Amino acid sequence: MLIVGRLSEERVMKCVICHSSHIEDKVVDERVWAGTDVVLAPCQALVCNNCGERYYSRQTMQHLEEVEARIRARTLALETVGRVLRIATQPAPALAVCESRPDYTTQSPEPSDNGGQAAQE
């Protein structure tokens, strides 16, 4: 996350990651962690259309710091918009075990002319 000042129209900003000049001013949902919860905070950012790198103004950074402080103080109204699930940590399932291991060191039997039928005596 980089902080940028005001851009003049004469200068073309290039992304520091991919060097693209396709950067747009957008409203994005920045993730702010509150313990194990994630709060989506909408804010203005310059976003590289090529790689997605975001650039925040000083004013936006101050806004995000205020949001974090209000989350910690529990003075910000929040609403649930979904759930985040994680794969439960469990022991790996047991694998089936063969009764006897095949012996790969012996030669395979010669093919017979009886069409796969066992020789009858």
PDB file of N, CA and C in Angstrom:
ATOM      1  N   MET A   1       0.844  -1.150   0.000  1.00  0.00           N
ATOM      2  CA  MET A   1       0.000   0.000   0.000  1.00  0.00           C
ATOM      3  C   MET A   1       0.902   1.229   0.000  1.00  0.00           C
ATOM      4  N   LEU A   2       0.737   2.086  -0.971  1.00  0.00           N
ATOM      5  CA  LEU A   2       1.535   3.299  -1.066  1.00  0.00           C
ATOM      6  C   LEU A   2       0.655   4.515  -0.882  1.00  0.00           C
ATOM      7  N   ILE A   3       1.235   5.576  -0.348  1.00  0.00           N
ATOM      8  CA  ILE A   3       0.518   6.827  -0.164  1.00  0.00           C
ATOM      9  C   ILE A   3       1.041   7.802  -1.216  1.00  0.00           C
ATOM     10  N   VAL A   4       0.125   8.487  -1.883  1.00  0.00           N
ATOM     11  CA  VAL A   4       0.541   9.442  -2.902  1.00  0.00           C
ATOM     12  C   VAL A   4      -0.081  10.791  -2.596  1.00  0.00           C
ATOM     13  N   GLY A   5       0.592  11.823  -3.033  1.00  0.00           N
ATOM     14  CA  GLY A   5       0.051  13.168  -2.903  1.00  0.00           C
ATOM     15  C   GLY A   5      -0.797  13.479  -4.111  1.00  0.00           C
ATOM     16  N   ARG A   6      -1.120  14.719  -4.280  1.00  0.00           N
ATOM     17  CA  ARG A   6      -1.919  15.134  -5.444  1.00  0.00           C
ATOM     18  C   ARG A   6      -1.113  15.012  -6.715  1.00  0.00           C
ATOM     19  N   LEU A   7      -1.736  14.543  -7.744  1.00  0.00           N
ATOM     20  CA  LEU A   7      -1.060  14.396  -9.029  1.00  0.00           C
ATOM     21  C   LEU A   7      -1.388  15.598  -9.902  1.00  0.00           C
ATOM     22  N   SER A   8      -0.392  16.109 -10.566  1.00  0.00           N
ATOM     23  CA  SER A   8      -0.666  17.170 -11.522  1.00  0.00           C
ATOM     24  C   SER A   8      -1.047  16.534 -12.850  1.00  0.00           C
ATOM     25  N   GLU A   9      -1.816  17.239 -13.647  1.00  0.00           N
ATOM     26  CA  GLU A   9      -2.274  16.673 -14.910  1.00  0.00           C
ATOM     27  C   GLU A   9      -1.149  16.575 -15.931  1.00  0.00           C
ATOM     28  N   GLU A  10      -0.062  17.313 -15.723  1.00  0.00           N
ATOM     29  CA  GLU A  10       1.055  17.252 -16.676  1.00  0.00           C
ATOM     30  C   GLU A  10       1.849  15.953 -16.533  1.00  0.00           C
ATOM     31  N   ARG A  11       1.908  15.405 -15.337  1.00  0.00           N
ATOM     32  CA  ARG A  11       2.700  14.194 -15.097  1.00  0.00           C
ATOM     33  C   ARG A  11       1.832  12.955 -15.244  1.00  0.00           C
ATOM     34  N   VAL A  12       2.394  11.919 -15.812  1.00  0.00           N
ATOM     35  CA  VAL A  12       1.693  10.644 -15.934  1.00  0.00           C
ATOM     36  C   VAL A  12       2.274   9.716 -14.876  1.00  0.00           C
ATOM     37  N   MET A  13       1.393   9.219 -14.013  1.00  0.00           N
ATOM     38  CA  MET A  13       1.832   8.301 -12.967  1.00  0.00           C
ATOM     39  C   MET A  13       1.975   6.905 -13.548  1.00  0.00           C
ATOM     40  N   LYS A  14       3.036   6.216 -13.149  1.00  0.00           N
ATOM     41  CA  LYS A  14       3.244   4.830 -13.555  1.00  0.00           C
ATOM     42  C   LYS A  14       3.250   3.962 -12.315  1.00  0.00           C
ATOM     43  N   CYS A  15       2.708   2.790 -12.453  1.00  0.00           N
ATOM     44  CA  CYS A  15       2.648   1.831 -11.351  1.00  0.00           C
ATOM     45  C   CYS A  15       4.071   1.400 -10.978  1.00  0.00           C
ATOM     46  N   VAL A  16       4.348   1.366  -9.682  1.00  0.00           N
ATOM     47  CA  VAL A  16       5.681   0.962  -9.243  1.00  0.00           C
ATOM     48  C   VAL A  16       5.886  -0.549  -9.350  1.00  0.00           C
ATOM     49  N   ILE A  17       4.795  -1.299  -9.486  1.00  0.00           N
ATOM     50  CA  ILE A  17       4.896  -2.756  -9.581  1.00  0.00           C
ATOM     51  C   ILE A  17       5.091  -3.206 -11.028  1.00  0.00           C
ATOM     52  N   CYS A  18       4.162  -2.790 -11.925  1.00  0.00           N
ATOM     53  CA  CYS A  18       4.198  -3.301 -13.304  1.00  0.00           C
ATOM     54  C   CYS A  18       4.554  -2.217 -14.334  1.00  0.00           C
ATOM     55  N   HIS A  19       4.725  -0.987 -13.893  1.00  0.00           N
ATOM     56  CA  HIS A  19       5.116   0.149 -14.742  1.00  0.00           C
ATOM     57  C   HIS A  19       4.046   0.557 -15.756  1.00  0.00           C
ATOM     58  N   SER A  20       2.810   0.123 -15.543  1.00  0.00           N
ATOM     59  CA  SER A  20       1.714   0.525 -16.423  1.00  0.00           C
ATOM     60  C   SER A  20       1.299   1.951 -16.092  1.00  0.00           C
ATOM     61  N   SER A  21       0.823   2.675 -17.095  1.00  0.00           N
ATOM     62  CA  SER A  21       0.313   4.029 -16.855  1.00  0.00           C
ATOM     63  C   SER A  21      -1.216   4.043 -16.832  1.00  0.00           C
ATOM     64  N   HIS A  22      -1.838   2.880 -16.825  1.00  0.00           N
ATOM     65  CA  HIS A  22      -3.298   2.766 -16.782  1.00  0.00           C
ATOM     66  C   HIS A  22      -3.760   2.737 -15.326  1.00  0.00           C
ATOM     67  N   ILE A  23      -3.804   3.915 -14.716  1.00  0.00           N
ATOM     68  CA  ILE A  23      -4.180   4.051 -13.313  1.00  0.00           C
ATOM     69  C   ILE A  23      -5.428   4.918 -13.239  1.00  0.00           C
ATOM     70  N   GLU A  24      -6.429   4.422 -12.480  1.00  0.00           N
ATOM     71  CA  GLU A  24      -7.723   5.090 -12.395  1.00  0.00           C
ATOM     72  C   GLU A  24      -8.080   5.401 -10.953  1.00  0.00           C
ATOM     73  N   ASP A  25      -8.792   6.502 -10.752  1.00  0.00           N
ATOM     74  CA  ASP A  25      -9.325   6.846  -9.435  1.00  0.00           C
ATOM     75  C   ASP A  25     -10.612   6.054  -9.239  1.00  0.00           C
ATOM     76  N   LYS A  26     -10.691   5.257  -8.172  1.00  0.00           N
ATOM     77  CA  LYS A  26     -11.851   4.395  -7.933  1.00  0.00           C
ATOM     78  C   LYS A  26     -12.230   4.394  -6.458  1.00  0.00           C
ATOM     79  N   VAL A  27     -13.439   3.956  -6.176  1.00  0.00           N
ATOM     80  CA  VAL A  27     -13.853   3.662  -4.803  1.00  0.00           C
ATOM     81  C   VAL A  27     -13.635   2.167  -4.612  1.00  0.00           C
ATOM     82  N   VAL A  28     -12.861   1.822  -3.594  1.00  0.00           N
ATOM     83  CA  VAL A  28     -12.535   0.422  -3.325  1.00  0.00           C
ATOM     84  C   VAL A  28     -12.941   0.075  -1.898  1.00  0.00           C
ATOM     85  N   ASP A  29     -13.137  -1.197  -1.634  1.00  0.00           N
ATOM     86  CA  ASP A  29     -13.381  -1.671  -0.275  1.00  0.00           C
ATOM     87  C   ASP A  29     -12.053  -2.128   0.305  1.00  0.00           C
ATOM     88  N   GLU A  30     -11.512  -1.349   1.221  1.00  0.00           N
ATOM     89  CA  GLU A  30     -10.263  -1.717   1.887  1.00  0.00           C
ATOM     90  C   GLU A  30     -10.599  -2.621   3.072  1.00  0.00           C
ATOM     91  N   ARG A  31      -9.829  -3.682   3.243  1.00  0.00           N
ATOM     92  CA  ARG A  31     -10.047  -4.611   4.359  1.00  0.00           C
ATOM     93  C   ARG A  31      -9.329  -4.093   5.596  1.00  0.00           C
ATOM     94  N   VAL A  32     -10.086  -3.967   6.678  1.00  0.00           N
ATOM     95  CA  VAL A  32      -9.531  -3.565   7.969  1.00  0.00           C
ATOM     96  C   VAL A  32      -9.814  -4.704   8.938  1.00  0.00           C
ATOM     97  N   TRP A  33      -8.765  -5.259   9.545  1.00  0.00           N
ATOM     98  CA  TRP A  33      -8.927  -6.391  10.455  1.00  0.00           C
ATOM     99  C   TRP A  33      -9.335  -5.901  11.833  1.00  0.00           C
ATOM    100  N   ALA A  34     -10.312  -6.574  12.417  1.00  0.00           N
ATOM    101  CA  ALA A  34     -10.767  -6.315  13.782  1.00  0.00           C
ATOM    102  C   ALA A  34     -10.779  -7.660  14.498  1.00  0.00           C
ATOM    103  N   GLY A  35      -9.668  -8.022  15.088  1.00  0.00           N
ATOM    104  CA  GLY A  35      -9.537  -9.365  15.673  1.00  0.00           C
ATOM    105  C   GLY A  35      -9.536 -10.379  14.551  1.00  0.00           C
ATOM    106  N   THR A  36     -10.502 -11.319  14.581  1.00  0.00           N
ATOM    107  CA  THR A  36     -10.602 -12.307  13.511  1.00  0.00           C
ATOM    108  C   THR A  36     -11.625 -11.898  12.461  1.00  0.00           C
ATOM    109  N   ASP A  37     -12.243 -10.729  12.641  1.00  0.00           N
ATOM    110  CA  ASP A  37     -13.231 -10.227  11.688  1.00  0.00           C
ATOM    111  C   ASP A  37     -12.575  -9.278  10.695  1.00  0.00           C
ATOM    112  N   VAL A  38     -13.190  -9.162   9.537  1.00  0.00           N
ATOM    113  CA  VAL A  38     -12.721  -8.236   8.505  1.00  0.00           C
ATOM    114  C   VAL A  38     -13.832  -7.228   8.254  1.00  0.00           C
ATOM    115  N   VAL A  39     -13.477  -5.946   8.323  1.00  0.00           N
ATOM    116  CA  VAL A  39     -14.431  -4.879   8.041  1.00  0.00           C
ATOM    117  C   VAL A  39     -14.060  -4.290   6.686  1.00  0.00           C
ATOM    118  N   LEU A  40     -15.037  -4.178   5.799  1.00  0.00           N
ATOM    119  CA  LEU A  40     -14.811  -3.575   4.487  1.00  0.00           C
ATOM    120  C   LEU A  40     -15.114  -2.092   4.591  1.00  0.00           C
ATOM    121  N   ALA A  41     -14.089  -1.266   4.384  1.00  0.00           N
ATOM    122  CA  ALA A  41     -14.228   0.187   4.499  1.00  0.00           C
ATOM    123  C   ALA A  41     -14.107   0.803   3.109  1.00  0.00           C
ATOM    124  N   PRO A  42     -15.185   1.375   2.573  1.00  0.00           N
ATOM    125  CA  PRO A  42     -15.086   2.004   1.255  1.00  0.00           C
ATOM    126  C   PRO A  42     -14.219   3.262   1.325  1.00  0.00           C
ATOM    127  N   CYS A  43     -13.352   3.442   0.323  1.00  0.00           N
ATOM    128  CA  CYS A  43     -12.490   4.621   0.279  1.00  0.00           C
ATOM    129  C   CYS A  43     -12.008   4.869  -1.145  1.00  0.00           C
ATOM    130  N   GLN A  44     -11.524   6.079  -1.388  1.00  0.00           N
ATOM    131  CA  GLN A  44     -10.968   6.463  -2.684  1.00  0.00           C
ATOM    132  C   GLN A  44      -9.534   5.952  -2.795  1.00  0.00           C
ATOM    133  N   ALA A  45      -9.167   5.493  -3.962  1.00  0.00           N
ATOM    134  CA  ALA A  45      -7.790   5.060  -4.208  1.00  0.00           C
ATOM    135  C   ALA A  45      -7.504   5.142  -5.696  1.00  0.00           C
ATOM    136  N   LEU A  46      -6.255   5.339  -6.014  1.00  0.00           N
ATOM    137  CA  LEU A  46      -5.805   5.191  -7.396  1.00  0.00           C
ATOM    138  C   LEU A  46      -5.467   3.714  -7.552  1.00  0.00           C
ATOM    139  N   VAL A  47      -5.989   3.084  -8.602  1.00  0.00           N
ATOM    140  CA  VAL A  47      -5.813   1.644  -8.786  1.00  0.00           C
ATOM    141  C   VAL A  47      -5.229   1.385 -10.164  1.00  0.00           C
ATOM    142  N   CYS A  48      -4.167   0.585 -10.208  1.00  0.00           N
ATOM    143  CA  CYS A  48      -3.577   0.177 -11.480  1.00  0.00           C
ATOM    144  C   CYS A  48      -4.515  -0.832 -12.124  1.00  0.00           C
ATOM    145  N   ASN A  49      -4.964  -0.534 -13.339  1.00  0.00           N
ATOM    146  CA  ASN A  49      -5.869  -1.442 -14.053  1.00  0.00           C
ATOM    147  C   ASN A  49      -5.159  -2.688 -14.564  1.00  0.00           C
ATOM    148  N   ASN A  50      -3.842  -2.688 -14.548  1.00  0.00           N
ATOM    149  CA  ASN A  50      -3.088  -3.839 -15.037  1.00  0.00           C
ATOM    150  C   ASN A  50      -2.851  -4.875 -13.933  1.00  0.00           C
ATOM    151  N   CYS A  51      -2.335  -4.430 -12.763  1.00  0.00           N
ATOM    152  CA  CYS A  51      -1.983  -5.393 -11.713  1.00  0.00           C
ATOM    153  C   CYS A  51      -2.798  -5.233 -10.433  1.00  0.00           C
ATOM    154  N   GLY A  52      -3.582  -4.160 -10.301  1.00  0.00           N
ATOM    155  CA  GLY A  52      -4.431  -3.990  -9.130  1.00  0.00           C
ATOM    156  C   GLY A  52      -3.783  -3.272  -7.960  1.00  0.00           C
ATOM    157  N   GLU A  53      -2.528  -2.849  -8.085  1.00  0.00           N
ATOM    158  CA  GLU A  53      -1.866  -2.116  -6.999  1.00  0.00           C
ATOM    159  C   GLU A  53      -2.675  -0.866  -6.674  1.00  0.00           C
ATOM    160  N   ARG A  54      -2.800  -0.587  -5.374  1.00  0.00           N
ATOM    161  CA  ARG A  54      -3.580   0.567  -4.926  1.00  0.00           C
ATOM    162  C   ARG A  54      -2.665   1.632  -4.355  1.00  0.00           C
ATOM    163  N   TYR A  55      -3.041   2.888  -4.600  1.00  0.00           N
ATOM    164  CA  TYR A  55      -2.302   4.034  -4.091  1.00  0.00           C
ATOM    165  C   TYR A  55      -3.282   4.925  -3.341  1.00  0.00           C
ATOM    166  N   TYR A  56      -2.950   5.255  -2.075  1.00  0.00           N
ATOM    167  CA  TYR A  56      -3.857   6.003  -1.215  1.00  0.00           C
ATOM    168  C   TYR A  56      -3.296   7.396  -0.937  1.00  0.00           C
ATOM    169  N   SER A  57      -4.184   8.379  -0.925  1.00  0.00           N
ATOM    170  CA  SER A  57      -3.783   9.738  -0.568  1.00  0.00           C
ATOM    171  C   SER A  57      -3.613   9.819   0.941  1.00  0.00           C
ATOM    172  N   ARG A  58      -2.987  10.878   1.394  1.00  0.00           N
ATOM    173  CA  ARG A  58      -2.815  11.101   2.822  1.00  0.00           C
ATOM    174  C   ARG A  58      -4.183  11.200   3.506  1.00  0.00           C
ATOM    175  N   GLN A  59      -5.132  11.858   2.856  1.00  0.00           N
ATOM    176  CA  GLN A  59      -6.473  12.015   3.404  1.00  0.00           C
ATOM    177  C   GLN A  59      -7.163  10.647   3.562  1.00  0.00           C
ATOM    178  N   THR A  60      -7.012   9.781   2.567  1.00  0.00           N
ATOM    179  CA  THR A  60      -7.603   8.441   2.645  1.00  0.00           C
ATOM    180  C   THR A  60      -6.959   7.638   3.765  1.00  0.00           C
ATOM    181  N   MET A  61      -5.656   7.748   3.928  1.00  0.00           N
ATOM    182  CA  MET A  61      -4.975   7.024   5.005  1.00  0.00           C
ATOM    183  C   MET A  61      -5.468   7.497   6.372  1.00  0.00           C
ATOM    184  N   GLN A  62      -5.679   8.802   6.516  1.00  0.00           N
ATOM    185  CA  GLN A  62      -6.210   9.331   7.775  1.00  0.00           C
ATOM    186  C   GLN A  62      -7.616   8.784   8.028  1.00  0.00           C
ATOM    187  N   HIS A  63      -8.429   8.691   6.967  1.00  0.00           N
ATOM    188  CA  HIS A  63      -9.777   8.134   7.083  1.00  0.00           C
ATOM    189  C   HIS A  63      -9.707   6.675   7.545  1.00  0.00           C
ATOM    190  N   LEU A  64      -8.815   5.875   6.954  1.00  0.00           N
ATOM    191  CA  LEU A  64      -8.693   4.467   7.329  1.00  0.00           C
ATOM    192  C   LEU A  64      -8.200   4.313   8.771  1.00  0.00           C
ATOM    193  N   GLU A  65      -7.302   5.189   9.210  1.00  0.00           N
ATOM    194  CA  GLU A  65      -6.833   5.151  10.600  1.00  0.00           C
ATOM    195  C   GLU A  65      -7.972   5.493  11.559  1.00  0.00           C
ATOM    196  N   GLU A  66      -8.824   6.436  11.162  1.00  0.00           N
ATOM    197  CA  GLU A  66      -9.992   6.782  11.973  1.00  0.00           C
ATOM    198  C   GLU A  66     -10.966   5.600  12.044  1.00  0.00           C
ATOM    199  N   VAL A  67     -11.168   4.930  10.924  1.00  0.00           N
ATOM    200  CA  VAL A  67     -12.038   3.749  10.903  1.00  0.00           C
ATOM    201  C   VAL A  67     -11.491   2.690  11.864  1.00  0.00           C
ATOM    202  N   GLU A  68     -10.184   2.428  11.812  1.00  0.00           N
ATOM    203  CA  GLU A  68      -9.579   1.448  12.720  1.00  0.00           C
ATOM    204  C   GLU A  68      -9.792   1.837  14.176  1.00  0.00           C
ATOM    205  N   ALA A  69      -9.600   3.109  14.509  1.00  0.00           N
ATOM    206  CA  ALA A  69      -9.772   3.580  15.888  1.00  0.00           C
ATOM    207  C   ALA A  69     -11.225   3.413  16.337  1.00  0.00           C
ATOM    208  N   ARG A  70     -12.168   3.725  15.454  1.00  0.00           N
ATOM    209  CA  ARG A  70     -13.578   3.597  15.807  1.00  0.00           C
ATOM    210  C   ARG A  70     -13.994   2.128  15.940  1.00  0.00           C
ATOM    211  N   ILE A  71     -13.371   1.243  15.165  1.00  0.00           N
ATOM    212  CA  ILE A  71     -13.650  -0.197  15.317  1.00  0.00           C
ATOM    213  C   ILE A  71     -13.165  -0.659  16.688  1.00  0.00           C
ATOM    214  N   ARG A  72     -11.939  -0.264  17.060  1.00  0.00           N
ATOM    215  CA  ARG A  72     -11.393  -0.649  18.372  1.00  0.00           C
ATOM    216  C   ARG A  72     -12.250  -0.097  19.512  1.00  0.00           C
ATOM    217  N   ALA A  73     -12.761   1.136  19.354  1.00  0.00           N
ATOM    218  CA  ALA A  73     -13.586   1.767  20.391  1.00  0.00           C
ATOM    219  C   ALA A  73     -15.033   1.285  20.348  1.00  0.00           C
ATOM    220  N   ARG A  74     -15.359   0.492  19.348  1.00  0.00           N
ATOM    221  CA  ARG A  74     -16.720  -0.033  19.149  1.00  0.00           C
ATOM    222  C   ARG A  74     -17.748   1.086  18.998  1.00  0.00           C
ATOM    223  N   THR A  75     -17.380   2.133  18.278  1.00  0.00           N
ATOM    224  CA  THR A  75     -18.298   3.253  18.040  1.00  0.00           C
ATOM    225  C   THR A  75     -18.720   3.347  16.574  1.00  0.00           C
ATOM    226  N   LEU A  76     -18.395   2.357  15.799  1.00  0.00           N
ATOM    227  CA  LEU A  76     -18.733   2.355  14.381  1.00  0.00           C
ATOM    228  C   LEU A  76     -19.824   1.325  14.135  1.00  0.00           C
ATOM    229  N   ALA A  77     -20.908   1.741  13.502  1.00  0.00           N
ATOM    230  CA  ALA A  77     -21.999   0.812  13.197  1.00  0.00           C
ATOM    231  C   ALA A  77     -21.549  -0.119  12.070  1.00  0.00           C
ATOM    232  N   LEU A  78     -21.676  -1.405  12.319  1.00  0.00           N
ATOM    233  CA  LEU A  78     -21.260  -2.412  11.337  1.00  0.00           C
ATOM    234  C   LEU A  78     -22.432  -3.322  11.021  1.00  0.00           C
ATOM    235  N   GLU A  79     -22.461  -3.844   9.810  1.00  0.00           N
ATOM    236  CA  GLU A  79     -23.487  -4.812   9.434  1.00  0.00           C
ATOM    237  C   GLU A  79     -22.823  -6.057   8.865  1.00  0.00           C
ATOM    238  N   THR A  80     -23.439  -7.184   9.066  1.00  0.00           N
ATOM    239  CA  THR A  80     -22.935  -8.454   8.546  1.00  0.00           C
ATOM    240  C   THR A  80     -23.339  -8.561   7.078  1.00  0.00           C
ATOM    241  N   VAL A  81     -22.371  -8.866   6.222  1.00  0.00           N
ATOM    242  CA  VAL A  81     -22.661  -8.980   4.792  1.00  0.00           C
ATOM    243  C   VAL A  81     -22.393 -10.382   4.264  1.00  0.00           C
ATOM    244  N   GLY A  82     -21.930 -11.277   5.091  1.00  0.00           N
ATOM    245  CA  GLY A  82     -21.644 -12.638   4.643  1.00  0.00           C
ATOM    246  C   GLY A  82     -20.901 -13.383   5.724  1.00  0.00           C
ATOM    247  N   ARG A  83     -20.356 -14.519   5.349  1.00  0.00           N
ATOM    248  CA  ARG A  83     -19.584 -15.325   6.285  1.00  0.00           C
ATOM    249  C   ARG A  83     -18.283 -15.725   5.623  1.00  0.00           C
ATOM    250  N   VAL A  84     -17.259 -15.865   6.433  1.00  0.00           N
ATOM    251  CA  VAL A  84     -15.981 -16.385   5.956  1.00  0.00           C
ATOM    252  C   VAL A  84     -15.805 -17.742   6.608  1.00  0.00           C
ATOM    253  N   LEU A  85     -15.562 -18.746   5.807  1.00  0.00           N
ATOM    254  CA  LEU A  85     -15.400 -20.108   6.316  1.00  0.00           C
ATOM    255  C   LEU A  85     -13.999 -20.606   6.015  1.00  0.00           C
ATOM    256  N   ARG A  86     -13.512 -21.478   6.887  1.00  0.00           N
ATOM    257  CA  ARG A  86     -12.193 -22.055   6.703  1.00  0.00           C
ATOM    258  C   ARG A  86     -12.336 -23.565   6.804  1.00  0.00           C
ATOM    259  N   ILE A  87     -11.524 -24.299   6.097  1.00  0.00           N
ATOM    260  CA  ILE A  87     -11.523 -25.754   6.189  1.00  0.00           C
ATOM    261  C   ILE A  87     -11.100 -26.122   7.601  1.00  0.00           C
ATOM    262  N   ALA A  88     -11.893 -26.963   8.248  1.00  0.00           N
ATOM    263  CA  ALA A  88     -11.614 -27.365   9.626  1.00  0.00           C
ATOM    264  C   ALA A  88     -10.336 -28.182   9.681  1.00  0.00           C
ATOM    265  N   THR A  89      -9.578 -27.984  10.722  1.00  0.00           N
ATOM    266  CA  THR A  89      -8.355 -28.748  10.918  1.00  0.00           C
ATOM    267  C   THR A  89      -8.730 -30.095  11.505  1.00  0.00           C
ATOM    268  N   GLN A  90      -8.482 -31.167  10.748  1.00  0.00           N
ATOM    269  CA  GLN A  90      -8.806 -32.525  11.176  1.00  0.00           C
ATOM    270  C   GLN A  90      -7.656 -33.433  10.787  1.00  0.00           C
ATOM    271  N   PRO A  91      -7.574 -34.564  11.454  1.00  0.00           N
ATOM    272  CA  PRO A  91      -6.555 -35.516  11.011  1.00  0.00           C
ATOM    273  C   PRO A  91      -6.896 -36.006   9.603  1.00  0.00           C
ATOM    274  N   ALA A  92      -5.885 -36.279   8.844  1.00  0.00           N
ATOM    275  CA  ALA A  92      -6.089 -36.773   7.480  1.00  0.00           C
ATOM    276  C   ALA A  92      -6.792 -38.123   7.532  1.00  0.00           C
ATOM    277  N   PRO A  93      -7.690 -38.397   6.589  1.00  0.00           N
ATOM    278  CA  PRO A  93      -8.376 -39.687   6.588  1.00  0.00           C
ATOM    279  C   PRO A  93      -7.373 -40.817   6.370  1.00  0.00           C
ATOM    280  N   ALA A  94      -7.657 -41.955   7.013  1.00  0.00           N
ATOM    281  CA  ALA A  94      -6.770 -43.117   6.881  1.00  0.00           C
ATOM    282  C   ALA A  94      -6.856 -43.661   5.469  1.00  0.00           C
ATOM    283  N   LEU A  95      -5.731 -44.056   4.940  1.00  0.00           N
ATOM    284  CA  LEU A  95      -5.692 -44.639   3.600  1.00  0.00           C
ATOM    285  C   LEU A  95      -5.945 -46.136   3.702  1.00  0.00           C
ATOM    286  N   ALA A  96      -6.576 -46.683   2.684  1.00  0.00           N
ATOM    287  CA  ALA A  96      -6.805 -48.131   2.645  1.00  0.00           C
ATOM    288  C   ALA A  96      -5.459 -48.834   2.531  1.00  0.00           C
ATOM    289  N   VAL A  97      -5.319 -49.909   3.266  1.00  0.00           N
ATOM    290  CA  VAL A  97      -4.059 -50.646   3.269  1.00  0.00           C
ATOM    291  C   VAL A  97      -4.281 -51.989   2.588  1.00  0.00           C
ATOM    292  N   CYS A  98      -3.383 -52.362   1.670  1.00  0.00           N
ATOM    293  CA  CYS A  98      -3.464 -53.665   1.006  1.00  0.00           C
ATOM    294  C   CYS A  98      -3.097 -54.752   2.005  1.00  0.00           C
ATOM    295  N   GLU A  99      -3.744 -55.909   1.857  1.00  0.00           N
ATOM    296  CA  GLU A  99      -3.440 -57.042   2.730  1.00  0.00           C
ATOM    297  C   GLU A  99      -2.001 -57.495   2.531  1.00  0.00           C
ATOM    298  N   SER A 100      -1.592 -57.622   1.280  1.00  0.00           N
ATOM    299  CA  SER A 100      -0.213 -58.010   1.014  1.00  0.00           C
ATOM    300  C   SER A 100       0.327 -57.104  -0.081  1.00  0.00           C
ATOM    301  N   ARG A 101       1.567 -56.743   0.085  1.00  0.00           N
ATOM    302  CA  ARG A 101       2.184 -55.870  -0.901  1.00  0.00           C
ATOM    303  C   ARG A 101       2.572 -56.671  -2.130  1.00  0.00           C
ATOM    304  N   PRO A 102       2.362 -56.121  -3.309  1.00  0.00           N
ATOM    305  CA  PRO A 102       2.807 -56.838  -4.510  1.00  0.00           C
ATOM    306  C   PRO A 102       4.331 -56.911  -4.538  1.00  0.00           C
ATOM    307  N   ASP A 103       4.827 -58.004  -5.088  1.00  0.00           N
ATOM    308  CA  ASP A 103       6.270 -58.186  -5.210  1.00  0.00           C
ATOM    309  C   ASP A 103       6.672 -57.784  -6.614  1.00  0.00           C
ATOM    310  N   TYR A 104       7.243 -56.627  -6.753  1.00  0.00           N
ATOM    311  CA  TYR A 104       7.613 -56.111  -8.070  1.00  0.00           C
ATOM    312  C   TYR A 104       8.995 -56.575  -8.508  1.00  0.00           C
ATOM    313  N   THR A 105       9.656 -57.368  -7.688  1.00  0.00           N
ATOM    314  CA  THR A 105      10.997 -57.828  -8.046  1.00  0.00           C
ATOM    315  C   THR A 105      10.964 -59.081  -8.894  1.00  0.00           C
ATOM    316  N   THR A 106       9.864 -59.819  -8.907  1.00  0.00           N
ATOM    317  CA  THR A 106       9.770 -61.042  -9.709  1.00  0.00           C
ATOM    318  C   THR A 106       9.339 -60.691 -11.120  1.00  0.00           C
ATOM    319  N   GLN A 107       9.620 -61.588 -12.036  1.00  0.00           N
ATOM    320  CA  GLN A 107       9.223 -61.374 -13.422  1.00  0.00           C
ATOM    321  C   GLN A 107       7.745 -61.673 -13.579  1.00  0.00           C
ATOM    322  N   SER A 108       7.134 -60.952 -14.505  1.00  0.00           N
ATOM    323  CA  SER A 108       5.719 -61.208 -14.749  1.00  0.00           C
ATOM    324  C   SER A 108       5.571 -62.530 -15.482  1.00  0.00           C
ATOM    325  N   PRO A 109       4.451 -63.236 -15.290  1.00  0.00           N
ATOM    326  CA  PRO A 109       4.261 -64.536 -15.959  1.00  0.00           C
ATOM    327  C   PRO A 109       4.154 -64.344 -17.466  1.00  0.00           C
ATOM    328  N   GLU A 110       4.533 -65.378 -18.178  1.00  0.00           N
ATOM    329  CA  GLU A 110       4.449 -65.364 -19.634  1.00  0.00           C
ATOM    330  C   GLU A 110       2.990 -65.405 -20.039  1.00  0.00           C
ATOM    331  N   PRO A 111       2.614 -64.697 -21.099  1.00  0.00           N
ATOM    332  CA  PRO A 111       1.219 -64.756 -21.549  1.00  0.00           C
ATOM    333  C   PRO A 111       0.893 -66.170 -22.024  1.00  0.00           C
ATOM    334  N   SER A 112      -0.359 -66.576 -21.807  1.00  0.00           N
ATOM    335  CA  SER A 112      -0.757 -67.919 -22.213  1.00  0.00           C
ATOM    336  C   SER A 112      -1.723 -67.801 -23.392  1.00  0.00           C
ATOM    337  N   ASP A 113      -1.967 -68.936 -24.052  1.00  0.00           N
ATOM    338  CA  ASP A 113      -2.867 -68.955 -25.187  1.00  0.00           C
ATOM    339  C   ASP A 113      -4.297 -69.326 -24.778  1.00  0.00           C
ATOM    340  N   ASN A 114      -4.579 -69.370 -23.497  1.00  0.00           N
ATOM    341  CA  ASN A 114      -5.887 -69.824 -23.078  1.00  0.00           C
ATOM    342  C   ASN A 114      -6.856 -68.658 -22.838  1.00  0.00           C
ATOM    343  N   GLY A 115      -6.580 -67.481 -23.367  1.00  0.00           N
ATOM    344  CA  GLY A 115      -7.502 -66.335 -23.274  1.00  0.00           C
ATOM    345  C   GLY A 115      -7.690 -65.843 -21.868  1.00  0.00           C
ATOM    346  N   GLY A 116      -6.686 -65.970 -21.024  1.00  0.00           N
ATOM    347  CA  GLY A 116      -6.788 -65.453 -19.671  1.00  0.00           C
ATOM    348  C   GLY A 116      -7.375 -66.455 -18.697  1.00  0.00           C
ATOM    349  N   GLN A 117      -7.811 -67.639 -19.183  1.00  0.00           N
ATOM    350  CA  GLN A 117      -8.380 -68.649 -18.297  1.00  0.00           C
ATOM    351  C   GLN A 117      -7.238 -69.377 -17.593  1.00  0.00           C
ATOM    352  N   ALA A 118      -7.457 -69.716 -16.350  1.00  0.00           N
ATOM    353  CA  ALA A 118      -6.454 -70.464 -15.605  1.00  0.00           C
ATOM    354  C   ALA A 118      -6.391 -71.878 -16.164  1.00  0.00           C
ATOM    355  N   ALA A 119      -5.196 -72.451 -16.172  1.00  0.00           N
ATOM    356  CA  ALA A 119      -5.034 -73.827 -16.673  1.00  0.00           C
ATOM    357  C   ALA A 119      -5.729 -74.780 -15.755  1.00  0.00           C
ATOM    358  N   GLN A 120      -6.552 -75.664 -16.345  1.00  0.00           N
ATOM    359  CA  GLN A 120      -7.256 -76.640 -15.537  1.00  0.00           C
ATOM    360  C   GLN A 120      -6.541 -77.959 -15.639  1.00  0.00           C
ATOM    361  N   GLU A 121      -6.382 -78.623 -14.528  1.00  0.00           N
ATOM    362  CA  GLU A 121      -5.667 -79.887 -14.510  1.00  0.00           C
ATOM    363  C   GLU A 121      -6.592 -81.013 -14.307  1.00  0.00           C
TER     364      GLU A 121
END
